[in-house]
Amino acid sequence: MSAQVSATALEKLWQAATAVGATVETDVAFADVTTSHVGAPTLGVIRCHTAQQVSAVVRAGLEHDVPLLTLGGGSNLIAGDSTVGVERHDVVLLQQVPPTSTEEKISPEGRIVEPGVQVVAEDDTSVTVQVAAGLNWDTFVRFSVYQDWGGVECLSGIPGQVGATPVQNVGAYGVEVESVLERVQLVDRLTGAINWEGADQLELSYRRSNLKFTNRAVVTAVEFRLRKGGLSAPIRYRELARQLGCSIGGQVRVEKARDTVLKLRRGKGMLVCGTGTEAGGLGSPQKSGIWIEFCEGMFMPDPDTYSTGSFFTNPIVSECLLGHVTEAVAAAGIDPNTMPQFPGGGGVKLSAAWLIDRAGFKKGYPGDGKPARLSTRHTLALTNRGTATTSDLIELAEQVRYGVWKQFGVELVPEPVLFGCALKPLEH
């Protein structure tokens, strides 16, 4: 036991957790619980079923001075290991587990029921649902589509838990959680108090909220307001609209939008299943691990899914900087008119994937035999080919980021949480 956390303090935390019905596991490494499969051992993990259990564990952690790190599905986290100087993380992971029920999934009123999802308000056009933070996100999306509720179908197939979605304002294919988010239930990390906060209190922006990187609270439930009627959110993403055969701003049936998004994500190696990160509609392989369905009902291990998804956010630049970027693009012999750009965040949003590719980092870079590579399907994903370490992933990220900055003068920002590791600052 390290000097930072005494054996006595840790034992008292375990006792406090089990006293309220939470479960404890002591032999856990980040490599076991993250989709990148890297990271040193931890002090253990506490798994909670209710907000009251989370509150009790937070209070016990404060009382006994044991640091806690909230863990969702592990799909947006890269942790340090011995290759970056971390032999063990002196932290206890705090995870919420999906609700389960042995009851029939039909309510007395005839409504289909999903454990962890509760209707709290509805009218002729909308429904507000309260969802447990530990529920798998895609399970909730699949359930919503089955109920003919619109609003989250374009976010199908995103790994992780519901509680993580407001933290980083999860988004994909032109839709962000902010568009349907009503409020969140939080456990204060300084007091253990349980409170609700409205979406307007979270300072939501592109892949950000005031919950991300601040460690101020644990999300224990989320309320979303969805549309009745079975139509999707307006289709804003050009590639998705093309696949759906509709115009930008058009709407389609929710199940059609979901099926098409899953198809697109599957083609980019961005669907994972197994190890608690099920992608609804794909089924589940018999063995643990991250697998991909290469044809209906047939699974194989896929290294392209050993990642955190998109490693860099799309950069937002000022109009002034955009001019410099355009000049750099032209100087590289590339037609600036081919550079994707969209209004967003008070500036102009560029495509990180496009910049990475045009800076010379192609899919699969740096090639066969390397333990860490860009996905063979998607230049935004940094993948562990099976033997990569944290330093392998970090060095690849630094290489890509520096290459884009040197070529175009744009600084890419990592999307996942880096715990016990960091990228070197760019030398401007």
Protein backbone atom coordinates (compact mmCIF):
# COMPACT_ATOMS: atom_id res chain seq x y z
CA MET A 1 0.00 0.00 0.00
CA SER A 2 1.34 3.43 -0.93
CA ALA A 3 1.81 6.25 1.53
CA GLN A 4 -0.94 8.20 -0.24
CA VAL A 5 -3.77 5.84 0.72
CA SER A 6 -3.35 3.71 3.80
CA ALA A 7 -4.62 0.16 4.04
CA THR A 8 -6.80 1.24 6.97
CA ALA A 9 -8.45 4.06 5.03
CA LEU A 10 -9.10 1.82 2.06
CA GLU A 11 -10.62 -0.90 4.23
CA LYS A 12 -12.96 1.65 5.84
CA LEU A 13 -14.07 2.78 2.37
CA TRP A 14 -14.78 -0.82 1.35
CA GLN A 15 -16.82 -1.31 4.53
CA ALA A 16 -18.80 1.87 3.97
CA ALA A 17 -19.57 0.84 0.39
CA THR A 18 -20.72 -2.67 1.21
CA ALA A 19 -22.79 -1.37 4.14
CA VAL A 20 -25.05 0.51 1.71
CA GLY A 21 -25.28 -2.35 -0.80
CA ALA A 22 -22.59 -1.29 -3.28
CA THR A 23 -20.17 -3.95 -4.53
CA VAL A 24 -16.38 -3.86 -4.31
CA GLU A 25 -13.73 -5.36 -6.57
CA THR A 26 -10.06 -4.88 -5.69
CA ASP A 27 -8.19 -6.45 -8.61
CA VAL A 28 -8.89 -3.94 -11.41
CA ALA A 29 -6.60 -2.15 -13.86
CA PHE A 30 -7.60 0.59 -16.28
CA ALA A 31 -6.62 -1.76 -19.09
CA ASP A 32 -9.47 -4.05 -17.96
CA VAL A 33 -12.21 -1.43 -18.00
CA THR A 34 -11.41 0.93 -20.91
CA THR A 35 -12.00 0.45 -24.62
CA SER A 36 -8.38 1.37 -25.44
CA HIS A 37 -7.16 -1.47 -23.17
CA VAL A 38 -4.28 0.46 -21.62
CA GLY A 39 -3.64 1.67 -18.08
CA ALA A 40 -2.00 0.60 -14.83
CA PRO A 41 -3.73 -1.13 -11.89
CA THR A 42 -5.97 0.86 -9.54
CA LEU A 43 -6.89 0.44 -5.88
CA GLY A 44 -10.16 -1.13 -6.98
CA VAL A 45 -13.66 -0.29 -8.14
CA ILE A 46 -16.92 0.36 -6.29
CA ARG A 47 -20.09 -0.28 -8.26
CA CYS A 48 -23.28 1.47 -7.19
CA HIS A 49 -26.92 0.90 -8.11
CA THR A 50 -28.52 4.10 -6.73
CA ALA A 51 -27.80 7.78 -6.19
CA GLN A 52 -27.98 7.17 -2.44
CA GLN A 53 -25.19 4.60 -2.70
CA VAL A 54 -23.08 7.01 -4.77
CA SER A 55 -23.65 9.71 -2.17
CA ALA A 56 -22.60 7.40 0.68
CA VAL A 57 -19.45 6.33 -1.16
CA VAL A 58 -18.52 9.92 -1.98
CA ARG A 59 -18.95 10.90 1.66
CA ALA A 60 -16.86 7.93 2.80
CA GLY A 61 -14.14 8.81 0.31
CA LEU A 62 -14.04 12.34 1.70
CA GLU A 63 -14.04 11.13 5.29
CA HIS A 64 -11.19 8.64 4.80
CA ASP A 65 -9.26 10.71 2.24
CA VAL A 66 -9.45 8.14 -0.55
CA PRO A 67 -9.58 9.67 -4.06
CA LEU A 68 -12.43 8.51 -6.32
CA LEU A 69 -12.57 8.65 -10.11
CA THR A 70 -15.93 8.33 -11.85
CA LEU A 71 -15.90 5.64 -14.53
CA GLY A 72 -18.64 5.14 -17.10
CA GLY A 73 -18.11 2.72 -19.95
CA GLY A 74 -14.41 3.54 -20.20
CA SER A 75 -14.81 4.62 -23.83
CA ASN A 76 -13.54 8.18 -23.37
CA LEU A 77 -10.56 7.64 -21.08
CA ILE A 78 -6.86 6.90 -21.53
CA ALA A 79 -4.90 6.16 -18.36
CA GLY A 80 -1.18 6.08 -17.72
CA ASP A 81 0.79 2.87 -17.30
CA SER A 82 4.38 1.97 -16.47
CA THR A 83 5.59 3.22 -19.85
CA VAL A 84 4.75 6.77 -18.75
CA GLY A 85 5.94 6.24 -15.19
CA VAL A 86 2.74 5.04 -13.53
CA GLU A 87 3.03 1.64 -11.84
CA ARG A 88 -0.30 2.00 -10.03
CA HIS A 89 -3.01 4.63 -9.79
CA ASP A 90 -3.80 5.42 -6.15
CA VAL A 91 -7.44 5.96 -6.92
CA VAL A 92 -10.66 4.01 -6.48
CA LEU A 93 -12.95 3.83 -9.51
CA LEU A 94 -16.61 4.70 -8.92
CA GLN A 95 -18.97 3.11 -11.41
CA GLN A 96 -22.76 2.94 -11.68
CA VAL A 97 -24.19 -0.31 -12.96
CA PRO A 98 -27.16 -0.71 -15.29
CA PRO A 99 -30.50 -1.30 -13.58
CA THR A 100 -31.96 -4.78 -13.98
CA SER A 101 -35.41 -6.21 -13.48
CA THR A 102 -36.91 -9.70 -13.52
CA GLU A 103 -40.40 -8.30 -14.01
CA GLU A 104 -42.30 -8.37 -17.29
CA LYS A 105 -41.37 -5.39 -19.46
CA ILE A 106 -45.01 -4.33 -19.88
CA SER A 107 -46.59 -1.80 -17.53
CA PRO A 108 -50.22 -2.08 -16.35
CA GLU A 109 -51.05 0.60 -18.94
CA GLY A 110 -49.54 -1.53 -21.70
CA ARG A 111 -46.39 0.52 -22.13
CA ILE A 112 -43.11 -1.23 -22.93
CA VAL A 113 -40.76 -0.86 -19.93
CA GLU A 114 -36.97 -0.62 -19.85
CA PRO A 115 -35.37 -0.87 -16.39
CA GLY A 116 -33.74 2.46 -15.66
CA VAL A 117 -36.09 4.51 -17.88
CA GLN A 118 -39.11 6.21 -16.32
CA VAL A 119 -41.62 8.55 -17.96
CA VAL A 120 -42.00 11.61 -15.73
CA ALA A 121 -44.09 13.88 -17.97
CA GLU A 122 -45.79 13.77 -21.36
CA ASP A 123 -48.26 15.59 -23.54
CA ASP A 124 -49.60 15.10 -27.07
CA THR A 125 -46.28 15.92 -28.75
CA SER A 126 -43.48 15.11 -26.30
CA VAL A 127 -42.38 12.84 -23.49
CA THR A 128 -39.88 13.52 -20.70
CA VAL A 129 -38.01 10.49 -19.44
CA GLN A 130 -35.70 10.07 -16.45
CA VAL A 131 -32.86 7.66 -17.16
CA ALA A 132 -30.44 6.04 -14.72
CA ALA A 133 -26.86 7.15 -15.30
CA GLY A 134 -25.57 3.56 -15.33
CA LEU A 135 -27.76 2.46 -18.24
CA ASN A 136 -25.90 1.73 -21.47
CA TRP A 137 -26.44 4.71 -23.77
CA ASP A 138 -27.29 2.69 -26.86
CA THR A 139 -29.76 0.59 -24.89
CA PHE A 140 -31.62 3.81 -24.13
CA VAL A 141 -31.46 4.97 -27.75
CA ARG A 142 -32.72 1.62 -29.01
CA PHE A 143 -35.57 1.71 -26.47
CA SER A 144 -36.53 5.28 -27.49
CA VAL A 145 -36.64 4.32 -31.16
CA TYR A 146 -38.78 1.29 -30.33
CA GLN A 147 -41.20 3.63 -28.54
CA ASP A 148 -41.34 5.96 -31.59
CA TRP A 149 -39.69 8.79 -29.66
CA GLY A 150 -37.47 11.07 -31.70
CA GLY A 151 -34.40 13.09 -30.76
CA VAL A 152 -31.53 10.69 -30.01
CA GLU A 153 -31.64 8.27 -32.95
CA CYS A 154 -28.66 9.98 -34.66
CA LEU A 155 -26.63 9.21 -31.52
CA SER A 156 -27.09 5.46 -32.00
CA GLY A 157 -24.12 3.18 -31.40
CA ILE A 158 -22.13 5.57 -29.22
CA PRO A 159 -20.48 3.47 -26.47
CA GLY A 160 -20.62 4.33 -22.79
CA GLN A 161 -23.27 5.09 -20.20
CA VAL A 162 -26.12 7.60 -20.12
CA GLY A 163 -24.48 9.56 -17.28
CA ALA A 164 -21.51 10.48 -19.47
CA THR A 165 -23.57 12.11 -22.22
CA PRO A 166 -24.24 15.49 -20.56
CA VAL A 167 -20.69 15.66 -19.17
CA GLN A 168 -19.18 16.06 -22.62
CA ASN A 169 -22.35 17.06 -24.47
CA VAL A 170 -22.07 13.97 -26.63
CA GLY A 171 -22.77 14.54 -30.30
CA ALA A 172 -22.68 12.80 -33.67
CA TYR A 173 -24.14 13.21 -37.13
CA GLY A 174 -25.31 16.76 -36.51
CA VAL A 175 -27.06 16.14 -33.17
CA GLU A 176 -25.88 16.92 -29.63
CA VAL A 177 -27.35 15.77 -26.32
CA GLU A 178 -27.93 19.44 -25.48
CA SER A 179 -30.86 19.46 -27.94
CA VAL A 180 -32.89 17.04 -25.79
CA LEU A 181 -31.41 17.51 -22.31
CA GLU A 182 -33.74 18.83 -19.60
CA ARG A 183 -31.83 18.36 -16.33
CA VAL A 184 -29.39 16.11 -14.48
CA GLN A 185 -29.27 14.62 -11.00
CA LEU A 186 -25.87 15.19 -9.39
CA VAL A 187 -24.00 14.04 -6.31
CA ASP A 188 -21.75 16.86 -5.14
CA ARG A 189 -18.16 15.64 -4.85
CA LEU A 190 -17.41 18.01 -1.94
CA THR A 191 -20.46 17.27 0.20
CA GLY A 192 -22.19 14.14 -1.11
CA ALA A 193 -25.44 16.10 -1.45
CA ILE A 194 -27.92 14.99 -4.14
CA ASN A 195 -29.40 17.78 -6.26
CA TRP A 196 -30.95 18.42 -9.66
CA GLU A 197 -29.57 21.01 -12.09
CA GLY A 198 -31.17 22.24 -15.29
CA ALA A 199 -29.39 21.96 -18.61
CA ASP A 200 -28.94 25.73 -18.61
CA GLN A 201 -26.72 25.45 -15.51
CA LEU A 202 -24.20 23.14 -17.20
CA GLU A 203 -22.66 25.70 -19.59
CA LEU A 204 -22.95 23.28 -22.48
CA SER A 205 -20.91 23.82 -25.62
CA TYR A 206 -19.19 21.70 -28.24
CA ARG A 207 -18.09 18.52 -26.41
CA ARG A 208 -18.02 20.45 -23.13
CA SER A 209 -19.89 21.16 -19.92
CA ASN A 210 -18.84 22.49 -16.55
CA LEU A 211 -18.87 18.87 -15.35
CA LYS A 212 -16.03 17.83 -17.67
CA PHE A 213 -12.52 17.98 -16.18
CA THR A 214 -13.88 19.72 -13.05
CA ASN A 215 -14.62 16.70 -10.84
CA ARG A 216 -17.37 18.73 -9.18
CA ALA A 217 -20.16 16.16 -9.28
CA VAL A 218 -21.21 12.65 -10.27
CA VAL A 219 -24.18 12.34 -12.63
CA THR A 220 -26.66 9.80 -11.25
CA ALA A 221 -29.71 10.36 -13.48
CA VAL A 222 -30.56 12.35 -16.61
CA GLU A 223 -33.85 13.68 -17.93
CA PHE A 224 -34.45 14.01 -21.66
CA ARG A 225 -37.37 15.50 -23.54
CA LEU A 226 -38.13 13.56 -26.72
CA ARG A 227 -40.66 14.05 -29.51
CA LYS A 228 -43.57 11.72 -30.09
CA GLY A 229 -44.66 10.69 -33.55
CA GLY A 230 -41.75 8.59 -34.76
CA LEU A 231 -39.89 11.22 -36.77
CA SER A 232 -36.18 11.84 -36.37
CA ALA A 233 -34.50 15.07 -35.41
CA PRO A 234 -33.87 17.22 -38.52
CA ILE A 235 -31.00 15.64 -40.47
CA ARG A 236 -28.08 18.10 -40.41
CA TYR A 237 -25.15 15.90 -41.41
CA ARG A 238 -24.51 15.76 -45.15
CA GLU A 239 -23.19 12.18 -45.28
CA LEU A 240 -26.18 10.90 -43.29
CA ALA A 241 -28.67 12.85 -45.43
CA ARG A 242 -27.11 11.37 -48.57
CA GLN A 243 -27.40 7.83 -47.18
CA LEU A 244 -31.01 8.47 -46.15
CA GLY A 245 -31.91 10.08 -49.48
CA CYS A 246 -33.30 13.20 -47.83
CA SER A 247 -32.46 16.89 -47.89
CA ILE A 248 -30.56 18.74 -45.16
CA GLY A 249 -33.12 19.63 -42.51
CA GLY A 250 -35.46 16.83 -43.57
CA GLN A 251 -36.83 14.17 -41.24
CA VAL A 252 -37.23 10.42 -41.59
CA ARG A 253 -38.59 7.63 -39.46
CA VAL A 254 -36.53 7.15 -36.29
CA GLU A 255 -35.81 3.50 -37.02
CA LYS A 256 -34.51 4.35 -40.49
CA ALA A 257 -32.22 7.04 -39.08
CA ARG A 258 -30.93 4.64 -36.40
CA ASP A 259 -30.29 1.79 -38.82
CA THR A 260 -28.40 4.11 -41.18
CA VAL A 261 -26.29 5.62 -38.40
CA LEU A 262 -25.37 2.14 -37.17
CA LYS A 263 -24.41 1.18 -40.72
CA LEU A 264 -22.18 4.25 -41.05
CA ARG A 265 -20.56 3.69 -37.66
CA ARG A 266 -20.01 0.00 -38.41
CA GLY A 267 -18.25 0.94 -41.65
CA LYS A 268 -15.88 3.18 -39.68
CA GLY A 269 -15.12 0.61 -36.99
CA MET A 270 -17.00 2.74 -34.47
CA LEU A 271 -19.36 0.10 -33.06
CA VAL A 272 -18.27 -1.91 -30.07
CA CYS A 273 -19.94 -4.69 -28.16
CA GLY A 274 -18.99 -7.02 -25.34
CA THR A 275 -17.36 -5.93 -22.04
CA GLY A 276 -20.47 -3.99 -21.10
CA THR A 277 -20.46 -1.72 -24.17
CA GLU A 278 -23.18 -3.36 -26.22
CA ALA A 279 -24.17 -1.74 -29.50
CA GLY A 280 -27.88 -2.41 -29.65
CA GLY A 281 -29.13 -4.29 -32.67
CA LEU A 282 -25.88 -6.22 -33.13
CA GLY A 283 -26.39 -8.95 -30.57
CA SER A 284 -23.62 -10.12 -28.27
CA PRO A 285 -20.71 -12.48 -28.95
CA GLN A 286 -20.15 -15.33 -26.51
CA LYS A 287 -16.62 -14.34 -25.50
CA SER A 288 -15.66 -11.16 -23.69
CA GLY A 289 -13.73 -8.46 -25.51
CA ILE A 290 -14.47 -5.87 -28.15
CA TRP A 291 -15.93 -7.42 -31.27
CA ILE A 292 -17.47 -6.32 -34.53
CA GLU A 293 -20.26 -7.97 -36.51
CA PHE A 294 -18.76 -8.45 -39.98
CA CYS A 295 -21.94 -10.06 -41.25
CA GLU A 296 -25.26 -10.78 -39.58
CA GLY A 297 -24.75 -12.89 -36.48
CA MET A 298 -21.01 -13.39 -37.10
CA PHE A 299 -18.44 -11.65 -34.89
CA MET A 300 -14.69 -11.26 -34.90
CA PRO A 301 -12.22 -9.28 -32.78
CA ASP A 302 -11.64 -5.89 -34.41
CA PRO A 303 -8.61 -3.81 -33.37
CA ASP A 304 -10.15 -0.73 -35.00
CA THR A 305 -12.60 -0.63 -32.08
CA TYR A 306 -9.81 -0.65 -29.45
CA SER A 307 -9.97 3.13 -29.21
CA THR A 308 -11.71 6.07 -27.59
CA GLY A 309 -13.54 6.85 -30.82
CA SER A 310 -12.67 10.30 -32.14
CA PHE A 311 -9.46 11.27 -30.36
CA PHE A 312 -9.51 14.94 -31.40
CA THR A 313 -12.42 17.36 -31.45
CA ASN A 314 -13.14 19.35 -34.57
CA PRO A 315 -11.24 22.64 -34.12
CA ILE A 316 -13.16 25.91 -33.99
CA VAL A 317 -11.13 28.83 -35.38
CA SER A 318 -11.70 32.57 -35.65
CA GLU A 319 -12.35 34.21 -39.03
CA CYS A 320 -8.84 35.68 -38.83
CA LEU A 321 -7.17 32.33 -38.24
CA LEU A 322 -9.34 30.78 -40.96
CA GLY A 323 -7.62 33.06 -43.46
CA HIS A 324 -4.21 31.77 -42.40
CA VAL A 325 -5.42 28.17 -42.55
CA THR A 326 -6.80 28.72 -46.05
CA GLU A 327 -3.43 30.13 -47.15
CA ALA A 328 -1.62 27.13 -45.66
CA VAL A 329 -3.99 24.74 -47.42
CA ALA A 330 -3.37 26.46 -50.75
CA ALA A 331 0.40 26.47 -50.12
CA ALA A 332 0.21 22.69 -49.66
CA GLY A 333 -1.24 22.38 -53.16
CA ILE A 334 -4.76 21.64 -51.93
CA ASP A 335 -7.84 23.44 -53.25
CA PRO A 336 -9.14 25.45 -50.23
CA ASN A 337 -12.69 25.01 -51.55
CA THR A 338 -12.47 21.31 -50.65
CA MET A 339 -11.86 22.08 -46.96
CA PRO A 340 -15.01 21.35 -44.90
CA GLN A 341 -16.06 24.27 -42.71
CA PHE A 342 -19.20 25.04 -40.77
CA PRO A 343 -20.36 27.83 -38.45
CA GLY A 344 -20.11 26.83 -34.80
CA GLY A 345 -19.05 27.90 -31.33
CA GLY A 346 -18.69 31.56 -32.22
CA GLY A 347 -16.27 30.80 -35.05
CA VAL A 348 -15.76 28.37 -37.90
CA LYS A 349 -15.64 24.63 -37.23
CA LEU A 350 -13.15 22.66 -39.32
CA SER A 351 -12.92 18.90 -39.80
CA ALA A 352 -10.16 17.36 -37.69
CA ALA A 353 -10.29 14.19 -39.82
CA TRP A 354 -9.78 16.22 -43.03
CA LEU A 355 -6.85 18.13 -41.55
CA ILE A 356 -5.22 14.93 -40.27
CA ASP A 357 -5.56 13.24 -43.64
CA ARG A 358 -4.28 16.27 -45.62
CA ALA A 359 -1.32 16.60 -43.26
CA GLY A 360 -0.20 13.20 -44.47
CA PHE A 361 -1.61 10.91 -41.80
CA LYS A 362 -3.64 8.35 -43.69
CA LYS A 363 -5.84 5.57 -42.34
CA GLY A 364 -3.68 2.91 -40.69
CA TYR A 365 -0.73 5.28 -40.13
CA PRO A 366 2.13 4.48 -39.37
CA GLY A 367 1.54 1.05 -40.90
CA ASP A 368 1.45 -2.66 -40.26
CA GLY A 369 3.35 -3.98 -37.28
CA LYS A 370 3.03 -0.84 -35.18
CA PRO A 371 1.29 -1.37 -31.83
CA ALA A 372 -0.64 1.94 -32.05
CA ARG A 373 -2.10 3.08 -35.36
CA LEU A 374 -4.76 5.33 -36.77
CA SER A 375 -7.85 3.29 -37.48
CA THR A 376 -7.86 1.62 -40.88
CA ARG A 377 -11.35 3.09 -41.36
CA HIS A 378 -11.33 6.47 -39.63
CA THR A 379 -8.38 8.88 -39.23
CA LEU A 380 -9.79 10.39 -36.03
CA ALA A 381 -9.45 7.18 -34.02
CA LEU A 382 -6.14 6.14 -32.42
CA THR A 383 -6.23 2.39 -32.01
CA ASN A 384 -4.49 -0.23 -29.92
CA ARG A 385 -3.67 -3.12 -32.26
CA GLY A 386 -3.47 -5.46 -29.27
CA THR A 387 -0.10 -4.77 -27.65
CA ALA A 388 0.00 -0.97 -27.43
CA THR A 389 0.94 0.84 -24.23
CA THR A 390 -0.12 4.27 -23.05
CA SER A 391 3.12 5.76 -24.35
CA ASP A 392 2.46 4.25 -27.79
CA LEU A 393 -0.92 5.99 -27.98
CA ILE A 394 0.37 9.26 -26.57
CA GLU A 395 3.34 9.36 -28.96
CA LEU A 396 1.05 8.74 -31.94
CA ALA A 397 -1.32 11.49 -30.76
CA GLU A 398 1.60 13.91 -30.38
CA GLN A 399 2.87 13.05 -33.85
CA VAL A 400 -0.50 13.68 -35.46
CA ARG A 401 -1.19 16.86 -33.53
CA TYR A 402 2.23 18.33 -34.28
CA GLY A 403 1.93 17.40 -37.96
CA VAL A 404 -1.40 19.19 -38.33
CA TRP A 405 -0.13 22.25 -36.47
CA LYS A 406 3.06 22.42 -38.54
CA GLN A 407 1.18 22.01 -41.84
CA PHE A 408 -1.86 24.19 -41.20
CA GLY A 409 -1.30 26.15 -37.98
CA VAL A 410 -4.29 24.51 -36.29
CA GLU A 411 -3.99 23.03 -32.79
CA LEU A 412 -6.02 19.87 -32.28
CA VAL A 413 -7.48 19.26 -28.80
CA PRO A 414 -7.89 15.73 -27.38
CA GLU A 415 -11.47 14.68 -26.67
CA PRO A 416 -10.88 11.82 -24.18
CA VAL A 417 -9.87 12.35 -20.57
CA LEU A 418 -6.15 11.70 -20.12
CA PHE A 419 -5.55 10.38 -16.60
CA GLY A 420 -1.98 10.00 -15.41
CA CYS A 421 -0.64 10.94 -18.83
CA ALA A 422 -0.57 14.01 -21.06
CA LEU A 423 0.43 15.29 -24.47
CA LYS A 424 3.52 17.49 -24.66
CA PRO A 425 2.73 21.17 -25.26
CA LEU A 426 3.16 22.31 -28.85
CA GLU A 427 6.19 24.52 -29.40
CA HIS A 428 4.73 27.58 -31.10
